[in-house]
C-alpha atoms as a PDB file:
ATOM      1  CA  UNK A   1      67.910 -81.001 121.913  1.00  0.00           C
ATOM      2  CA  UNK A   2      64.420 -80.067 123.074  1.00  0.00           C
ATOM      3  CA  UNK A   3      61.574 -82.584 123.093  1.00  0.00           C
ATOM      4  CA  UNK A   4      58.513 -81.769 120.989  1.00  0.00           C
ATOM      5  CA  UNK A   5      55.509 -80.256 122.797  1.00  0.00           C
ATOM      6  CA  UNK A   6      53.013 -82.543 121.075  1.00  0.00           C
ATOM      7  CA  UNK A   7      52.689 -86.269 121.663  1.00  0.00           C
ATOM      8  CA  UNK A   8      53.852 -88.789 119.126  1.00  0.00           C
ATOM      9  CA  UNK A   9      51.441 -90.437 116.734  1.00  0.00           C
ATOM     10  CA  UNK A  10      50.902 -94.162 117.282  1.00  0.00           C
ATOM     11  CA  UNK A  11      51.418 -96.277 114.164  1.00  0.00           C
ATOM     12  CA  UNK A  12      49.067 -99.203 113.622  1.00  0.00           C
ATOM     13  CA  UNK A  13      52.027-101.372 112.602  1.00  0.00           C
ATOM     14  CA  UNK A  14      53.815-100.734 115.912  1.00  0.00           C
ATOM     15  CA  UNK A  15      54.327-103.784 118.164  1.00  0.00           C
ATOM     16  CA  UNK A  16      53.744-101.570 121.225  1.00  0.00           C
ATOM     17  CA  UNK A  17      50.373-100.675 122.693  1.00  0.00           C
ATOM     18  CA  UNK A  18      49.138 -97.098 122.208  1.00  0.00           C
ATOM     19  CA  UNK A  19      49.437 -94.844 125.257  1.00  0.00           C
ATOM     20  CA  UNK A  20      46.419 -94.921 127.544  1.00  0.00           C
ATOM     21  CA  UNK A  21      44.660 -91.581 127.922  1.00  0.00           C
ATOM     22  CA  UNK A  22      43.778 -90.652 131.497  1.00  0.00           C
ATOM     23  CA  UNK A  23      40.098 -89.805 132.015  1.00  0.00           C
ATOM     24  CA  UNK A  24      39.480 -86.123 132.719  1.00  0.00           C
ATOM     25  CA  UNK A  25      37.934 -85.542 136.157  1.00  0.00           C
ATOM     26  CA  UNK A  26      35.810 -82.416 136.548  1.00  0.00           C
ATOM     27  CA  UNK A  27      35.515 -81.106 140.093  1.00  0.00           C
ATOM     28  CA  UNK A  28      32.777 -78.856 141.531  1.00  0.00           C
ATOM     29  CA  UNK A  29      32.735 -76.550 144.539  1.00  0.00           C
ATOM     30  CA  UNK A  30      31.424 -78.362 147.606  1.00  0.00           C
ATOM     31  CA  UNK A  31      32.413 -81.809 146.302  1.00  0.00           C
ATOM     32  CA  UNK A  32      34.007 -84.208 148.785  1.00  0.00           C
ATOM     33  CA  UNK A  33      37.427 -85.580 147.804  1.00  0.00           C
ATOM     34  CA  UNK A  34      40.173 -87.690 149.276  1.00  0.00           C
ATOM     35  CA  UNK A  35      43.912 -87.130 148.919  1.00  0.00           C
ATOM     36  CA  UNK A  36      46.530 -89.831 149.525  1.00  0.00           C
ATOM     37  CA  UNK A  37      48.637 -87.526 151.729  1.00  0.00           C
ATOM     38  CA  UNK A  38      46.155 -85.068 153.291  1.00  0.00           C
ATOM     39  CA  UNK A  39      43.032 -87.231 153.721  1.00  0.00           C
ATOM     40  CA  UNK A  40      39.381 -86.182 153.360  1.00  0.00           C
ATOM     41  CA  UNK A  41      38.443 -82.689 152.269  1.00  0.00           C
ATOM     42  CA  UNK A  42      35.906 -80.464 150.513  1.00  0.00           C
ATOM     43  CA  UNK A  43      36.605 -78.359 147.420  1.00  0.00           C
ATOM     44  CA  UNK A  44      36.222 -74.650 148.198  1.00  0.00           C
ATOM     45  CA  UNK A  45      37.721 -73.094 145.056  1.00  0.00           C
ATOM     46  CA  UNK A  46      38.395 -73.829 141.368  1.00  0.00           C
ATOM     47  CA  UNK A  47      40.927 -72.276 138.997  1.00  0.00           C
ATOM     48  CA  UNK A  48      39.749 -73.111 135.431  1.00  0.00           C
ATOM     49  CA  UNK A  49      41.042 -76.696 135.436  1.00  0.00           C
ATOM     50  CA  UNK A  50      44.503 -75.589 136.616  1.00  0.00           C
ATOM     51  CA  UNK A  51      44.133 -76.147 140.352  1.00  0.00           C
ATOM     52  CA  UNK A  52      41.629 -76.666 143.164  1.00  0.00           C
ATOM     53  CA  UNK A  53      41.600 -75.279 146.704  1.00  0.00           C
ATOM     54  CA  UNK A  54      40.584 -77.877 149.271  1.00  0.00           C
ATOM     55  CA  UNK A  55      39.598 -77.456 152.923  1.00  0.00           C
ATOM     56  CA  UNK A  56      40.933 -80.411 154.890  1.00  0.00           C
ATOM     57  CA  UNK A  57      39.442 -79.224 158.194  1.00  0.00           C
ATOM     58  CA  UNK A  58      42.467 -77.834 160.012  1.00  0.00           C
ATOM     59  CA  UNK A  59      44.146 -76.378 156.911  1.00  0.00           C
ATOM     60  CA  UNK A  60      43.493 -75.384 153.291  1.00  0.00           C
ATOM     61  CA  UNK A  61      45.656 -76.651 150.441  1.00  0.00           C
ATOM     62  CA  UNK A  62      45.912 -75.660 146.749  1.00  0.00           C
ATOM     63  CA  UNK A  63      46.515 -78.704 144.542  1.00  0.00           C
ATOM     64  CA  UNK A  64      47.507 -78.496 140.879  1.00  0.00           C
ATOM     65  CA  UNK A  65      45.530 -80.547 138.356  1.00  0.00           C
ATOM     66  CA  UNK A  66      45.734 -83.234 137.199  1.00  0.00           C
ATOM     67  CA  UNK A  67      46.778 -84.917 140.436  1.00  0.00           C
ATOM     68  CA  UNK A  68      47.288 -88.657 140.725  1.00  0.00           C
ATOM     69  CA  UNK A  69      46.723 -88.459 144.499  1.00  0.00           C
ATOM     70  CA  UNK A  70      43.324 -86.711 144.397  1.00  0.00           C
ATOM     71  CA  UNK A  71      40.096 -88.703 144.018  1.00  0.00           C
ATOM     72  CA  UNK A  72      36.417 -87.640 144.104  1.00  0.00           C
ATOM     73  CA  UNK A  73      34.107 -89.452 146.523  1.00  0.00           C
END
């Protein structure tokens, strides 16, 4: 059985807390970022909120969004 594509509605009578929505981070070209695995870098390319290309100095990496390891500085 396939899971539905949309999220479930939270009922006010539910004893459980509603799911927390993650804040949307908008990146810009030239912005400095840090990545938990790769370290410090600078954004060199954007793909319409799908991914960002980041120059980490010795290499360039494409990272899909949203990423829990990527943080703006």
